[in-house]
PDB file of N, CA and C in Angstrom:
ATOM      1  N   MET A   1     -57.903   3.429  20.178  1.00  0.00           N
ATOM      2  CA  MET A   1     -58.312   4.708  20.880  1.00  0.00           C
ATOM      3  C   MET A   1     -58.560   5.762  19.769  1.00  0.00           C
ATOM      4  N   SER A   2     -59.522   6.334  19.823  1.00  0.00           N
ATOM      5  CA  SER A   2     -59.937   7.499  18.789  1.00  0.00           C
ATOM      6  C   SER A   2     -58.815   8.670  19.036  1.00  0.00           C
ATOM      7  N   GLU A   3     -58.645   9.408  17.881  1.00  0.00           N
ATOM      8  CA  GLU A   3     -57.888  10.742  18.051  1.00  0.00           C
ATOM      9  C   GLU A   3     -58.461  11.738  18.995  1.00  0.00           C
ATOM     10  N   GLN A   4     -59.686  11.755  18.920  1.00  0.00           N
ATOM     11  CA  GLN A   4     -60.488  12.738  19.782  1.00  0.00           C
ATOM     12  C   GLN A   4     -60.231  12.397  21.344  1.00  0.00           C
ATOM     13  N   LEU A   5     -60.285  10.988  21.598  1.00  0.00           N
ATOM     14  CA  LEU A   5     -60.004  10.539  23.032  1.00  0.00           C
ATOM     15  C   LEU A   5     -58.570  10.848  23.502  1.00  0.00           C
ATOM     16  N   LYS A   6     -57.607  10.555  22.568  1.00  0.00           N
ATOM     17  CA  LYS A   6     -56.255  10.868  22.995  1.00  0.00           C
ATOM     18  C   LYS A   6     -56.010  12.333  23.133  1.00  0.00           C
ATOM     19  N   THR A   7     -56.687  13.125  22.264  1.00  0.00           N
ATOM     20  CA  THR A   7     -56.525  14.516  22.313  1.00  0.00           C
ATOM     21  C   THR A   7     -57.017  15.244  23.647  1.00  0.00           C
ATOM     22  N   GLU A   8     -58.348  14.608  24.033  1.00  0.00           N
ATOM     23  CA  GLU A   8     -58.818  14.981  25.155  1.00  0.00           C
ATOM     24  C   GLU A   8     -57.855  14.644  26.518  1.00  0.00           C
ATOM     25  N   ILE A   9     -57.366  13.448  26.580  1.00  0.00           N
ATOM     26  CA  ILE A   9     -56.526  13.017  27.759  1.00  0.00           C
ATOM     27  C   ILE A   9     -55.273  13.864  27.735  1.00  0.00           C
ATOM     28  N   ALA A  10     -54.682  14.058  26.484  1.00  0.00           N
ATOM     29  CA  ALA A  10     -53.438  14.829  26.474  1.00  0.00           C
ATOM     30  C   ALA A  10     -53.694  16.121  27.000  1.00  0.00           C
ATOM     31  N   LYS A  11     -54.690  16.967  26.744  1.00  0.00           N
ATOM     32  CA  LYS A  11     -55.136  18.085  27.315  1.00  0.00           C
ATOM     33  C   LYS A  11     -55.362  18.094  28.846  1.00  0.00           C
ATOM     34  N   GLU A  12     -56.031  17.100  29.255  1.00  0.00           N
ATOM     35  CA  GLU A  12     -56.266  16.967  30.529  1.00  0.00           C
ATOM     36  C   GLU A  12     -55.003  16.691  31.405  1.00  0.00           C
ATOM     37  N   LEU A  13     -53.891  15.987  30.716  1.00  0.00           N
ATOM     38  CA  LEU A  13     -52.574  15.712  31.438  1.00  0.00           C
ATOM     39  C   LEU A  13     -51.696  16.729  31.235  1.00  0.00           C
ATOM     40  N   GLY A  14     -52.023  17.674  30.347  1.00  0.00           N
ATOM     41  CA  GLY A  14     -51.036  18.801  30.180  1.00  0.00           C
ATOM     42  C   GLY A  14     -49.967  18.648  29.057  1.00  0.00           C
ATOM     43  N   VAL A  15     -50.103  17.637  28.225  1.00  0.00           N
ATOM     44  CA  VAL A  15     -49.079  17.193  27.156  1.00  0.00           C
ATOM     45  C   VAL A  15     -49.698  17.709  25.829  1.00  0.00           C
ATOM     46  N   TYR A  16     -50.743  18.386  25.694  1.00  0.00           N
ATOM     47  CA  TYR A  16     -51.307  18.562  24.462  1.00  0.00           C
ATOM     48  C   TYR A  16     -50.401  19.750  23.542  1.00  0.00           C
ATOM     49  N   ASN A  17     -49.811  20.593  24.325  1.00  0.00           N
ATOM     50  CA  ASN A  17     -48.990  21.638  23.763  1.00  0.00           C
ATOM     51  C   ASN A  17     -47.849  20.963  22.882  1.00  0.00           C
ATOM     52  N   THR A  18     -47.241  19.868  23.456  1.00  0.00           N
ATOM     53  CA  THR A  18     -46.216  19.050  22.808  1.00  0.00           C
ATOM     54  C   THR A  18     -46.785  18.393  21.451  1.00  0.00           C
ATOM     55  N   VAL A  19     -48.009  17.921  21.761  1.00  0.00           N
ATOM     56  CA  VAL A  19     -48.618  17.168  20.508  1.00  0.00           C
ATOM     57  C   VAL A  19     -48.869  18.241  19.451  1.00  0.00           C
ATOM     58  N   ALA A  20     -49.410  19.388  19.842  1.00  0.00           N
ATOM     59  CA  ALA A  20     -49.858  20.510  18.926  1.00  0.00           C
ATOM     60  C   ALA A  20     -48.701  20.921  18.112  1.00  0.00           C
ATOM     61  N   SER A  21     -47.556  21.208  18.755  1.00  0.00           N
ATOM     62  CA  SER A  21     -46.337  21.892  18.287  1.00  0.00           C
ATOM     63  C   SER A  21     -45.539  20.707  17.541  1.00  0.00           C
ATOM     64  N   GLU A  22     -45.326  19.579  17.964  1.00  0.00           N
ATOM     65  CA  GLU A  22     -44.280  18.629  17.496  1.00  0.00           C
ATOM     66  C   GLU A  22     -44.968  17.408  17.179  1.00  0.00           C
ATOM     67  N   GLY A  23     -46.019  17.037  17.315  1.00  0.00           N
ATOM     68  CA  GLY A  23     -46.774  15.813  16.978  1.00  0.00           C
ATOM     69  C   GLY A  23     -46.646  14.738  18.127  1.00  0.00           C
ATOM     70  N   TRP A  24     -47.255  13.677  17.844  1.00  0.00           N
ATOM     71  CA  TRP A  24     -47.255  12.522  18.902  1.00  0.00           C
ATOM     72  C   TRP A  24     -46.045  11.888  19.117  1.00  0.00           C
ATOM     73  N   GLY A  25     -45.154  11.800  18.021  1.00  0.00           N
ATOM     74  CA  GLY A  25     -43.805  11.212  18.013  1.00  0.00           C
ATOM     75  C   GLY A  25     -42.937  12.023  19.078  1.00  0.00           C
ATOM     76  N   SER A  26     -43.258  13.152  19.602  1.00  0.00           N
ATOM     77  CA  SER A  26     -42.433  13.879  20.439  1.00  0.00           C
ATOM     78  C   SER A  26     -42.893  13.746  21.986  1.00  0.00           C
ATOM     79  N   VAL A  27     -43.934  13.048  22.120  1.00  0.00           N
ATOM     80  CA  VAL A  27     -44.542  12.787  23.554  1.00  0.00           C
ATOM     81  C   VAL A  27     -43.695  11.759  24.127  1.00  0.00           C
ATOM     82  N   SER A  28     -43.110  11.981  25.491  1.00  0.00           N
ATOM     83  CA  SER A  28     -42.299  10.991  26.174  1.00  0.00           C
ATOM     84  C   SER A  28     -43.133   9.669  26.353  1.00  0.00           C
ATOM     85  N   SER A  29     -42.056   8.718  26.528  1.00  0.00           N
ATOM     86  CA  SER A  29     -42.832   7.452  26.837  1.00  0.00           C
ATOM     87  C   SER A  29     -43.755   7.318  28.017  1.00  0.00           C
ATOM     88  N   ARG A  30     -43.103   8.085  28.986  1.00  0.00           N
ATOM     89  CA  ARG A  30     -43.875   8.259  30.335  1.00  0.00           C
ATOM     90  C   ARG A  30     -45.290   8.856  30.227  1.00  0.00           C
ATOM     91  N   ASP A  31     -45.216  10.001  29.312  1.00  0.00           N
ATOM     92  CA  ASP A  31     -46.522  10.617  29.079  1.00  0.00           C
ATOM     93  C   ASP A  31     -47.479   9.681  28.136  1.00  0.00           C
ATOM     94  N   CYS A  32     -46.877   9.001  27.258  1.00  0.00           N
ATOM     95  CA  CYS A  32     -47.821   8.005  26.401  1.00  0.00           C
ATOM     96  C   CYS A  32     -48.420   6.974  27.487  1.00  0.00           C
ATOM     97  N   GLY A  33     -47.571   6.518  28.324  1.00  0.00           N
ATOM     98  CA  GLY A  33     -48.136   5.443  29.309  1.00  0.00           C
ATOM     99  C   GLY A  33     -49.208   5.999  30.231  1.00  0.00           C
ATOM    100  N   ASN A  34     -48.998   7.271  30.512  1.00  0.00           N
ATOM    101  CA  ASN A  34     -50.083   8.043  31.400  1.00  0.00           C
ATOM    102  C   ASN A  34     -51.339   8.109  30.614  1.00  0.00           C
ATOM    103  N   ILE A  35     -51.119   8.550  29.229  1.00  0.00           N
ATOM    104  CA  ILE A  35     -52.457   8.518  28.439  1.00  0.00           C
ATOM    105  C   ILE A  35     -53.231   7.148  28.364  1.00  0.00           C
ATOM    106  N   VAL A  36     -52.365   6.159  28.154  1.00  0.00           N
ATOM    107  CA  VAL A  36     -52.938   4.881  28.152  1.00  0.00           C
ATOM    108  C   VAL A  36     -53.608   4.508  29.309  1.00  0.00           C
ATOM    109  N   LYS A  37     -52.909   4.798  30.682  1.00  0.00           N
ATOM    110  CA  LYS A  37     -53.413   4.489  31.856  1.00  0.00           C
ATOM    111  C   LYS A  37     -54.856   5.275  32.202  1.00  0.00           C
ATOM    112  N   LYS A  38     -54.718   6.379  31.770  1.00  0.00           N
ATOM    113  CA  LYS A  38     -56.094   7.278  31.895  1.00  0.00           C
ATOM    114  C   LYS A  38     -57.116   6.755  30.998  1.00  0.00           C
ATOM    115  N   ALA A  39     -56.822   6.290  29.784  1.00  0.00           N
ATOM    116  CA  ALA A  39     -57.794   5.798  28.983  1.00  0.00           C
ATOM    117  C   ALA A  39     -58.429   4.387  29.623  1.00  0.00           C
ATOM    118  N   ILE A  40     -57.535   3.681  30.127  1.00  0.00           N
ATOM    119  CA  ILE A  40     -58.063   2.425  30.773  1.00  0.00           C
ATOM    120  C   ILE A  40     -58.932   2.612  31.917  1.00  0.00           C
ATOM    121  N   GLU A  41     -58.475   3.661  32.835  1.00  0.00           N
ATOM    122  CA  GLU A  41     -59.330   3.886  33.904  1.00  0.00           C
ATOM    123  C   GLU A  41     -60.651   4.359  33.444  1.00  0.00           C
ATOM    124  N   MET A  42     -60.725   5.398  32.400  1.00  0.00           N
ATOM    125  CA  MET A  42     -61.872   5.858  31.902  1.00  0.00           C
ATOM    126  C   MET A  42     -62.934   4.826  31.330  1.00  0.00           C
ATOM    127  N   ALA A  43     -62.333   3.779  30.796  1.00  0.00           N
ATOM    128  CA  ALA A  43     -63.070   2.673  30.226  1.00  0.00           C
ATOM    129  C   ALA A  43     -63.612   1.789  31.343  1.00  0.00           C
ATOM    130  N   GLU A  44     -62.767   1.557  32.331  1.00  0.00           N
ATOM    131  CA  GLU A  44     -63.289   0.669  33.566  1.00  0.00           C
ATOM    132  C   GLU A  44     -64.336   1.479  34.252  1.00  0.00           C
ATOM    133  N   LYS A  45     -64.291   2.746  34.254  1.00  0.00           N
ATOM    134  CA  LYS A  45     -65.438   3.548  35.013  1.00  0.00           C
ATOM    135  C   LYS A  45     -66.685   3.456  34.316  1.00  0.00           C
ATOM    136  N   ASN A  46     -66.522   3.454  32.946  1.00  0.00           N
ATOM    137  CA  ASN A  46     -67.549   3.532  32.101  1.00  0.00           C
ATOM    138  C   ASN A  46     -68.301   2.119  32.091  1.00  0.00           C
ATOM    139  N   LEU A  47     -67.538   0.931  32.255  1.00  0.00           N
ATOM    140  CA  LEU A  47     -68.073  -0.372  32.604  1.00  0.00           C
ATOM    141  C   LEU A  47     -68.846  -0.480  33.733  1.00  0.00           C
ATOM    142  N   ILE A  48     -68.152   0.106  34.831  1.00  0.00           N
ATOM    143  CA  ILE A  48     -68.897  -0.087  36.110  1.00  0.00           C
ATOM    144  C   ILE A  48     -70.151   0.692  36.207  1.00  0.00           C
ATOM    145  N   GLN A  49     -70.280   1.855  35.524  1.00  0.00           N
ATOM    146  CA  GLN A  49     -71.656   2.544  35.520  1.00  0.00           C
ATOM    147  C   GLN A  49     -72.701   1.923  34.684  1.00  0.00           C
ATOM    148  N   LYS A  50     -72.367   1.094  33.888  1.00  0.00           N
ATOM    149  CA  LYS A  50     -73.456   0.382  33.110  1.00  0.00           C
ATOM    150  C   LYS A  50     -74.087  -0.719  33.732  1.00  0.00           C
TER     151      LYS A  50
END
């Protein structure tokens, strides 16, 4: 997953402030899981549209 995509999803999920101030290591496991889940949903949606 690209940094740009991770950042976009983090902003969408409201965890980007943590990333910006403390780095990715400070993001909770739950939030990381939600980022991955969102990325998978976006990828699946993209495949369906093609």
